[in-house]
Structure formats: structure tokens, C-alpha cells
């Protein structure tokens, strides 16, 4: 069982994190649990922290550790075999992220390279029932050097976490909405929330050969 330890952390400014994408084509051990990992944390100075993929911490949050800035932009990618192109069969993507543990307590929560960690907290004093908003800025399409495109809506994800069973995740499964800002979840004040995302290319169209790139930016914003 993972310990449920209320904790404090220093004030943080709003955070944004990014994932890069690359598409191309060419001729464990689990433990049972009843719910997802959403933990109450002690109120304190207004703070918001978001981590997507690799992050940095001094120690662990649950025992007084503090988050650090990390400028890494992790990539999620795959190469679609020519024989599978456009069949409508989802193609699993992998990431160069190596983040397996939760910085809350060191628990091995995600399984890279197939899963990408996402998590963080919103903290503030007082008692209002407020939430920070997790959103993602999504381009219209992934583009190749030849100006060919794949709609970002062709990328979807599932959400889970080691020990979470089939519980509803704080960052739910979904698919990107091509172009614009997309709401993902609310982070209730004074809670730590985390999930592991597995991405898939839905492979619904035949596209010209090439490498297709795009970048999404995740943001956790306070009211």
C-alpha cells in the first residue's frame, strides 16, 4: 500500500509542460487498489506544480521534498509499417521519457517507454472549493517536411497507473481535438493527482511517406 501522508511544498509559479510528437512509416508487477492516486495535501502558500514526462525533485513530496524546474521536452513516436498504413488498426506509441516513479513517495507508478507520467498539485490556504484547470494546447496537425499533414485528432490516449486497478483516473483517457485549447481535468485545491498516459495513433488514413512532427503543451492554471 502507498502511504497517504499530508505534506507541504514551497510556493511555485504556474507550470506548463510539453510533449513532442514524431510519426513515420517505411517500404510487471501490479498491486491491487480500489481507487486512483489522489491525495490530500496540507494547505499552504498558493502553489501549482505540473510534471509531464521526465521531472526533477529533491527527495519526495510526501516526506518534505521540493519540485525543481526541468526543461526536458519528451517525445512520443512510432513508425508505421507500410503494410499497416491506413488500416484503421491503432498503432501503439512509445516515448523517450524514463519517468517511472512518483515524486510523491517513490512508488513505481508508470511503465516507460509505453507510458508517460503526468501529475502535480494545486495548493492554497483557506477553505474555498476551488480547482486548477489542466488543459492542453493542440496544433491542427502534425506536419512533414513536404508540408503533408496528419490531424492531431488521430492521436488518442488511455490512462492508468500501477496499483490503481480500473479506477477512474484524475487525468482521464481521451483524444486530441485538433487546433485550440482542450480541457482535460480539474485539480481540486490541496490535492496531489497523477496518471500514466499511453498514446496511440489511430491510423485511419493513408498518408504520403515521411516524418510528421508536432508539439502539444500542457498547462495547469489557477483560478
C-alpha atoms as a PDB file:
ATOM      1  CA  UNK A   1       0.000   0.000   0.000  1.00  0.00           C
ATOM      2  CA  UNK A   2       1.217   3.540  -0.699  1.00  0.00           C
ATOM      3  CA  UNK A   3       1.413   5.842   2.343  1.00  0.00           C
ATOM      4  CA  UNK A   4      -1.083   8.711   2.476  1.00  0.00           C
ATOM      5  CA  UNK A   5       0.961  11.485   4.103  1.00  0.00           C
ATOM      6  CA  UNK A   6      -0.218  15.125   4.145  1.00  0.00           C
ATOM      7  CA  UNK A   7       2.687  17.384   3.190  1.00  0.00           C
ATOM      8  CA  UNK A   8       3.897  20.867   2.384  1.00  0.00           C
ATOM      9  CA  UNK A   9       5.870  22.272  -0.533  1.00  0.00           C
ATOM     10  CA  UNK A  10       7.338  25.695  -1.370  1.00  0.00           C
ATOM     11  CA  UNK A  11       5.380  28.155  -3.499  1.00  0.00           C
ATOM     12  CA  UNK A  12       5.555  27.549  -7.237  1.00  0.00           C
ATOM     13  CA  UNK A  13       4.606  29.629 -10.247  1.00  0.00           C
ATOM     14  CA  UNK A  14       2.159  28.186 -12.833  1.00  0.00           C
ATOM     15  CA  UNK A  15       3.749  25.470 -14.908  1.00  0.00           C
ATOM     16  CA  UNK A  16       3.466  24.336 -18.488  1.00  0.00           C
ATOM     17  CA  UNK A  17       4.955  21.171 -19.934  1.00  0.00           C
ATOM     18  CA  UNK A  18       5.359  19.980 -23.478  1.00  0.00           C
ATOM     19  CA  UNK A  19       5.432  16.763 -25.434  1.00  0.00           C
ATOM     20  CA  UNK A  20       6.875  16.480 -28.923  1.00  0.00           C
ATOM     21  CA  UNK A  21       5.494  14.051 -31.461  1.00  0.00           C
ATOM     22  CA  UNK A  22       7.060  12.117 -34.301  1.00  0.00           C
ATOM     23  CA  UNK A  23       5.299   9.873 -36.807  1.00  0.00           C
ATOM     24  CA  UNK A  24       6.802   7.999 -39.703  1.00  0.00           C
ATOM     25  CA  UNK A  25       6.334   4.909 -41.830  1.00  0.00           C
ATOM     26  CA  UNK A  26       8.517   2.808 -44.080  1.00  0.00           C
ATOM     27  CA  UNK A  27       8.502   0.242 -47.779  1.00  0.00           C
ATOM     28  CA  UNK A  28       5.160  -6.050 -14.303  1.00  0.00           C
ATOM     29  CA  UNK A  29       4.284  -6.339 -11.185  1.00  0.00           C
ATOM     30  CA  UNK A  30       0.957  -4.699 -10.088  1.00  0.00           C
ATOM     31  CA  UNK A  31      -0.744  -4.321  -6.722  1.00  0.00           C
ATOM     32  CA  UNK A  32      -4.499  -4.175  -6.128  1.00  0.00           C
ATOM     33  CA  UNK A  33      -6.112  -0.868  -5.183  1.00  0.00           C
ATOM     34  CA  UNK A  34      -9.646   0.449  -5.040  1.00  0.00           C
ATOM     35  CA  UNK A  35      -9.055   3.958  -6.362  1.00  0.00           C
ATOM     36  CA  UNK A  36      -6.737   6.169  -8.373  1.00  0.00           C
ATOM     37  CA  UNK A  37      -3.932   8.004  -6.605  1.00  0.00           C
ATOM     38  CA  UNK A  38      -5.471  11.308  -5.460  1.00  0.00           C
ATOM     39  CA  UNK A  39      -4.019  12.503  -2.145  1.00  0.00           C
ATOM     40  CA  UNK A  40      -4.949  15.410   0.121  1.00  0.00           C
ATOM     41  CA  UNK A  41      -2.026  17.732   0.895  1.00  0.00           C
ATOM     42  CA  UNK A  42      -1.751  20.365   3.609  1.00  0.00           C
ATOM     43  CA  UNK A  43      -2.800  23.921   2.715  1.00  0.00           C
ATOM     44  CA  UNK A  44      -0.026  26.477   2.382  1.00  0.00           C
ATOM     45  CA  UNK A  45       1.096  29.399   0.200  1.00  0.00           C
ATOM     46  CA  UNK A  46      -0.599  29.398  -3.209  1.00  0.00           C
ATOM     47  CA  UNK A  47       1.314  26.982  -5.428  1.00  0.00           C
ATOM     48  CA  UNK A  48       0.809  24.954  -8.585  1.00  0.00           C
ATOM     49  CA  UNK A  49       3.082  22.235  -9.949  1.00  0.00           C
ATOM     50  CA  UNK A  50       2.781  20.181 -13.140  1.00  0.00           C
ATOM     51  CA  UNK A  51       5.004  17.423 -14.469  1.00  0.00           C
ATOM     52  CA  UNK A  52       4.597  15.711 -17.860  1.00  0.00           C
ATOM     53  CA  UNK A  53       7.203  13.052 -18.638  1.00  0.00           C
ATOM     54  CA  UNK A  54      10.598  13.472 -17.002  1.00  0.00           C
ATOM     55  CA  UNK A  55      10.786  15.733 -13.960  1.00  0.00           C
ATOM     56  CA  UNK A  56      13.120  16.669 -11.113  1.00  0.00           C
ATOM     57  CA  UNK A  57      12.654  16.709  -7.344  1.00  0.00           C
ATOM     58  CA  UNK A  58      14.710  16.971  -4.196  1.00  0.00           C
ATOM     59  CA  UNK A  59      13.565  13.920  -2.251  1.00  0.00           C
ATOM     60  CA  UNK A  60       9.859  13.095  -2.305  1.00  0.00           C
ATOM     61  CA  UNK A  61       6.930  15.428  -1.738  1.00  0.00           C
ATOM     62  CA  UNK A  62       5.314  13.165   0.863  1.00  0.00           C
ATOM     63  CA  UNK A  63       8.379  13.475   3.089  1.00  0.00           C
ATOM     64  CA  UNK A  64       9.100  17.168   2.561  1.00  0.00           C
ATOM     65  CA  UNK A  65      10.776  17.107  -0.848  1.00  0.00           C
ATOM     66  CA  UNK A  66      10.554  20.044  -3.226  1.00  0.00           C
ATOM     67  CA  UNK A  67       9.995  20.194  -7.001  1.00  0.00           C
ATOM     68  CA  UNK A  68      12.628  21.594  -9.361  1.00  0.00           C
ATOM     69  CA  UNK A  69      12.413  23.084 -12.840  1.00  0.00           C
ATOM     70  CA  UNK A  70      13.050  20.625 -15.668  1.00  0.00           C
ATOM     71  CA  UNK A  71      13.123  21.886 -19.264  1.00  0.00           C
ATOM     72  CA  UNK A  72      13.044  18.428 -20.879  1.00  0.00           C
ATOM     73  CA  UNK A  73      10.555  18.054 -23.741  1.00  0.00           C
ATOM     74  CA  UNK A  74       9.850  14.333 -24.107  1.00  0.00           C
ATOM     75  CA  UNK A  75       8.951  12.785 -27.455  1.00  0.00           C
ATOM     76  CA  UNK A  76       6.241  10.233 -28.243  1.00  0.00           C
ATOM     77  CA  UNK A  77       6.752   8.413 -31.531  1.00  0.00           C
ATOM     78  CA  UNK A  78       6.218   5.390 -33.727  1.00  0.00           C
ATOM     79  CA  UNK A  79       6.994   4.111 -37.206  1.00  0.00           C
ATOM     80  CA  UNK A  80       4.008   2.679 -39.073  1.00  0.00           C
ATOM     81  CA  UNK A  81       4.867  -0.265 -41.383  1.00  0.00           C
ATOM     82  CA  UNK A  82       3.747   0.294 -44.976  1.00  0.00           C
ATOM     83  CA  UNK A  83       1.652  -2.886 -44.775  1.00  0.00           C
ATOM     84  CA  UNK A  84      -0.325  -1.482 -41.829  1.00  0.00           C
ATOM     85  CA  UNK A  85      -0.767   2.063 -43.116  1.00  0.00           C
ATOM     86  CA  UNK A  86      -4.351   3.313 -43.133  1.00  0.00           C
ATOM     87  CA  UNK A  87      -5.894   0.045 -41.931  1.00  0.00           C
ATOM     88  CA  UNK A  88      -7.694   1.710 -39.030  1.00  0.00           C
ATOM     89  CA  UNK A  89      -5.836  -0.532 -36.574  1.00  0.00           C
ATOM     90  CA  UNK A  90      -4.488   1.625 -33.745  1.00  0.00           C
ATOM     91  CA  UNK A  91      -0.708   1.732 -33.520  1.00  0.00           C
ATOM     92  CA  UNK A  92       0.874   1.925 -30.068  1.00  0.00           C
ATOM     93  CA  UNK A  93       3.333   4.757 -29.487  1.00  0.00           C
ATOM     94  CA  UNK A  94       6.361   4.862 -27.183  1.00  0.00           C
ATOM     95  CA  UNK A  95       8.178   7.727 -25.507  1.00  0.00           C
ATOM     96  CA  UNK A  96      11.742   8.646 -24.669  1.00  0.00           C
ATOM     97  CA  UNK A  97      10.501   9.552 -21.176  1.00  0.00           C
ATOM     98  CA  UNK A  98      12.126   7.450 -18.448  1.00  0.00           C
ATOM     99  CA  UNK A  99       9.901   8.642 -15.582  1.00  0.00           C
ATOM    100  CA  UNK A 100       8.687   5.536 -13.762  1.00  0.00           C
ATOM    101  CA  UNK A 101       8.407   6.706 -10.141  1.00  0.00           C
ATOM    102  CA  UNK A 102       6.036   9.132  -8.482  1.00  0.00           C
ATOM    103  CA  UNK A 103       7.811  12.014  -6.791  1.00  0.00           C
ATOM    104  CA  UNK A 104       5.118  11.898  -4.133  1.00  0.00           C
ATOM    105  CA  UNK A 105       6.628   8.818  -2.463  1.00  0.00           C
ATOM    106  CA  UNK A 106       8.970   6.987  -4.872  1.00  0.00           C
ATOM    107  CA  UNK A 107       6.378   4.376  -5.847  1.00  0.00           C
ATOM    108  CA  UNK A 108       6.923   2.838  -9.313  1.00  0.00           C
ATOM    109  CA  UNK A 109       3.734   4.214 -10.827  1.00  0.00           C
ATOM    110  CA  UNK A 110       4.310   4.254 -14.617  1.00  0.00           C
ATOM    111  CA  UNK A 111       5.904   1.848 -17.083  1.00  0.00           C
ATOM    112  CA  UNK A 112       8.072   3.700 -19.615  1.00  0.00           C
ATOM    113  CA  UNK A 113       8.569   3.753 -22.543  1.00  0.00           C
ATOM    114  CA  UNK A 114       4.913   2.766 -23.118  1.00  0.00           C
ATOM    115  CA  UNK A 115       3.508   5.174 -20.513  1.00  0.00           C
ATOM    116  CA  UNK A 116       4.083   8.877 -19.920  1.00  0.00           C
ATOM    117  CA  UNK A 117       3.751  10.228 -16.378  1.00  0.00           C
ATOM    118  CA  UNK A 118       1.523  13.257 -15.780  1.00  0.00           C
ATOM    119  CA  UNK A 119       0.810  14.715 -12.363  1.00  0.00           C
ATOM    120  CA  UNK A 120       1.087  17.587  -9.943  1.00  0.00           C
ATOM    121  CA  UNK A 121      -0.813  19.625  -7.382  1.00  0.00           C
ATOM    122  CA  UNK A 122      -2.691  22.857  -6.689  1.00  0.00           C
ATOM    123  CA  UNK A 123      -2.326  24.248  -3.175  1.00  0.00           C
ATOM    124  CA  UNK A 124      -3.782  27.306  -1.448  1.00  0.00           C
ATOM    125  CA  UNK A 125      -4.798  28.342   2.070  1.00  0.00           C
ATOM    126  CA  UNK A 126      -8.391  28.803   3.223  1.00  0.00           C
ATOM    127  CA  UNK A 127     -11.443  26.713   2.510  1.00  0.00           C
ATOM    128  CA  UNK A 128     -12.962  27.689  -0.901  1.00  0.00           C
ATOM    129  CA  UNK A 129     -13.779  24.667  -3.038  1.00  0.00           C
ATOM    130  CA  UNK A 130     -11.588  25.806  -5.934  1.00  0.00           C
ATOM    131  CA  UNK A 131      -9.768  23.896  -8.645  1.00  0.00           C
ATOM    132  CA  UNK A 132      -6.873  24.491 -11.009  1.00  0.00           C
ATOM    133  CA  UNK A 133      -7.576  23.605 -14.639  1.00  0.00           C
ATOM    134  CA  UNK A 134      -5.421  21.186 -16.629  1.00  0.00           C
ATOM    135  CA  UNK A 135      -5.574  21.890 -20.354  1.00  0.00           C
ATOM    136  CA  UNK A 136      -3.546  21.133 -23.472  1.00  0.00           C
ATOM    137  CA  UNK A 137      -2.777  23.404 -26.413  1.00  0.00           C
ATOM    138  CA  UNK A 138      -3.040  21.333 -29.591  1.00  0.00           C
ATOM    139  CA  UNK A 139      -1.934  22.286 -33.130  1.00  0.00           C
ATOM    140  CA  UNK A 140      -4.246  21.477 -36.007  1.00  0.00           C
ATOM    141  CA  UNK A 141      -1.948  18.833 -37.480  1.00  0.00           C
ATOM    142  CA  UNK A 142       1.363  17.036 -37.455  1.00  0.00           C
ATOM    143  CA  UNK A 143       3.382  18.224 -40.456  1.00  0.00           C
ATOM    144  CA  UNK A 144       6.063  16.644 -42.636  1.00  0.00           C
ATOM    145  CA  UNK A 145       8.944  18.460 -44.336  1.00  0.00           C
ATOM    146  CA  UNK A 146       6.958  18.131 -47.576  1.00  0.00           C
ATOM    147  CA  UNK A 147       4.015  20.010 -45.991  1.00  0.00           C
ATOM    148  CA  UNK A 148       1.846  16.894 -45.769  1.00  0.00           C
ATOM    149  CA  UNK A 149      -0.277  16.665 -42.645  1.00  0.00           C
ATOM    150  CA  UNK A 150      -1.999  14.306 -40.211  1.00  0.00           C
ATOM    151  CA  UNK A 151      -4.787  15.736 -37.998  1.00  0.00           C
ATOM    152  CA  UNK A 152      -3.841  15.752 -34.313  1.00  0.00           C
ATOM    153  CA  UNK A 153      -7.230  14.135 -33.681  1.00  0.00           C
ATOM    154  CA  UNK A 154      -5.600  10.909 -34.924  1.00  0.00           C
ATOM    155  CA  UNK A 155      -3.800  10.666 -31.560  1.00  0.00           C
ATOM    156  CA  UNK A 156      -5.634   9.216 -28.550  1.00  0.00           C
ATOM    157  CA  UNK A 157      -4.531   8.004 -25.125  1.00  0.00           C
ATOM    158  CA  UNK A 158      -5.532   5.685 -22.316  1.00  0.00           C
ATOM    159  CA  UNK A 159      -4.922   6.448 -18.641  1.00  0.00           C
ATOM    160  CA  UNK A 160      -3.873   4.154 -15.803  1.00  0.00           C
ATOM    161  CA  UNK A 161      -1.336   3.707 -13.019  1.00  0.00           C
ATOM    162  CA  UNK A 162       0.297   0.773 -11.238  1.00  0.00           C
ATOM    163  CA  UNK A 163      -1.860  -0.198  -8.277  1.00  0.00           C
ATOM    164  CA  UNK A 164      -4.890   1.742  -9.491  1.00  0.00           C
ATOM    165  CA  UNK A 165      -6.830  -1.195 -10.913  1.00  0.00           C
ATOM    166  CA  UNK A 166      -9.709   0.017 -13.077  1.00  0.00           C
ATOM    167  CA  UNK A 167     -10.412   3.157 -11.049  1.00  0.00           C
ATOM    168  CA  UNK A 168     -11.282   6.403 -12.833  1.00  0.00           C
ATOM    169  CA  UNK A 169      -8.109   8.428 -13.370  1.00  0.00           C
ATOM    170  CA  UNK A 170      -7.593  12.085 -12.369  1.00  0.00           C
ATOM    171  CA  UNK A 171      -6.386  12.672 -15.941  1.00  0.00           C
ATOM    172  CA  UNK A 172      -8.920  10.679 -17.983  1.00  0.00           C
ATOM    173  CA  UNK A 173      -8.456   8.902 -21.295  1.00  0.00           C
ATOM    174  CA  UNK A 174      -9.305  10.823 -24.444  1.00  0.00           C
ATOM    175  CA  UNK A 175      -8.119  12.013 -27.839  1.00  0.00           C
ATOM    176  CA  UNK A 176      -6.714  15.322 -29.007  1.00  0.00           C
ATOM    177  CA  UNK A 177      -9.055  17.888 -30.518  1.00  0.00           C
ATOM    178  CA  UNK A 178      -7.167  19.309 -33.498  1.00  0.00           C
ATOM    179  CA  UNK A 179      -6.434  23.008 -33.086  1.00  0.00           C
ATOM    180  CA  UNK A 180      -7.016  25.138 -29.982  1.00  0.00           C
ATOM    181  CA  UNK A 181      -7.044  24.678 -26.217  1.00  0.00           C
ATOM    182  CA  UNK A 182      -8.591  21.467 -24.870  1.00  0.00           C
ATOM    183  CA  UNK A 183      -9.833  20.974 -21.291  1.00  0.00           C
ATOM    184  CA  UNK A 184      -8.548  17.774 -19.659  1.00  0.00           C
ATOM    185  CA  UNK A 185      -9.285  17.810 -15.915  1.00  0.00           C
ATOM    186  CA  UNK A 186      -9.776  19.827 -12.745  1.00  0.00           C
ATOM    187  CA  UNK A 187      -7.191  19.591  -9.961  1.00  0.00           C
ATOM    188  CA  UNK A 188      -9.102  20.258  -6.731  1.00  0.00           C
ATOM    189  CA  UNK A 189      -7.244  22.552  -4.332  1.00  0.00           C
ATOM    190  CA  UNK A 190      -4.889  20.890  -1.845  1.00  0.00           C
ATOM    191  CA  UNK A 191      -4.674  17.592  -3.709  1.00  0.00           C
ATOM    192  CA  UNK A 192      -1.874  15.740  -5.477  1.00  0.00           C
ATOM    193  CA  UNK A 193      -3.083  13.906  -8.629  1.00  0.00           C
ATOM    194  CA  UNK A 194      -1.244  11.678 -11.109  1.00  0.00           C
ATOM    195  CA  UNK A 195      -1.846   9.287 -14.014  1.00  0.00           C
ATOM    196  CA  UNK A 196       0.122   7.405 -16.667  1.00  0.00           C
ATOM    197  CA  UNK A 197      -0.850   8.027 -20.307  1.00  0.00           C
ATOM    198  CA  UNK A 198      -0.402   5.533 -23.157  1.00  0.00           C
ATOM    199  CA  UNK A 199      -0.684   7.077 -26.626  1.00  0.00           C
ATOM    200  CA  UNK A 200      -1.984   5.539 -29.847  1.00  0.00           C
ATOM    201  CA  UNK A 201      -2.038   6.626 -33.489  1.00  0.00           C
ATOM    202  CA  UNK A 202      -5.495   5.757 -34.850  1.00  0.00           C
ATOM    203  CA  UNK A 203      -4.179   5.127 -38.377  1.00  0.00           C
ATOM    204  CA  UNK A 204      -7.409   5.956 -40.197  1.00  0.00           C
ATOM    205  CA  UNK A 205      -5.930   7.375 -43.387  1.00  0.00           C
ATOM    206  CA  UNK A 206      -3.236   6.710 -45.969  1.00  0.00           C
ATOM    207  CA  UNK A 207      -0.661   9.496 -45.929  1.00  0.00           C
ATOM    208  CA  UNK A 208       2.484  10.101 -48.006  1.00  0.00           C
ATOM    209  CA  UNK A 209       5.745   8.672 -46.685  1.00  0.00           C
ATOM    210  CA  UNK A 210       7.636  10.978 -44.372  1.00  0.00           C
ATOM    211  CA  UNK A 211       8.253  12.042 -40.796  1.00  0.00           C
ATOM    212  CA  UNK A 212       5.443  14.054 -39.219  1.00  0.00           C
ATOM    213  CA  UNK A 213       6.124  16.304 -36.245  1.00  0.00           C
ATOM    214  CA  UNK A 214       4.057  18.377 -33.844  1.00  0.00           C
ATOM    215  CA  UNK A 215       4.085  19.564 -30.253  1.00  0.00           C
ATOM    216  CA  UNK A 216       1.385  19.885 -27.599  1.00  0.00           C
ATOM    217  CA  UNK A 217       1.713  21.986 -24.451  1.00  0.00           C
ATOM    218  CA  UNK A 218       0.059  21.010 -21.163  1.00  0.00           C
ATOM    219  CA  UNK A 219      -0.796  23.774 -18.678  1.00  0.00           C
ATOM    220  CA  UNK A 220      -2.101  23.696 -15.100  1.00  0.00           C
ATOM    221  CA  UNK A 221      -3.609  27.127 -14.354  1.00  0.00           C
ATOM    222  CA  UNK A 222      -5.056  28.515 -11.123  1.00  0.00           C
ATOM    223  CA  UNK A 223      -8.378  30.401 -10.889  1.00  0.00           C
END
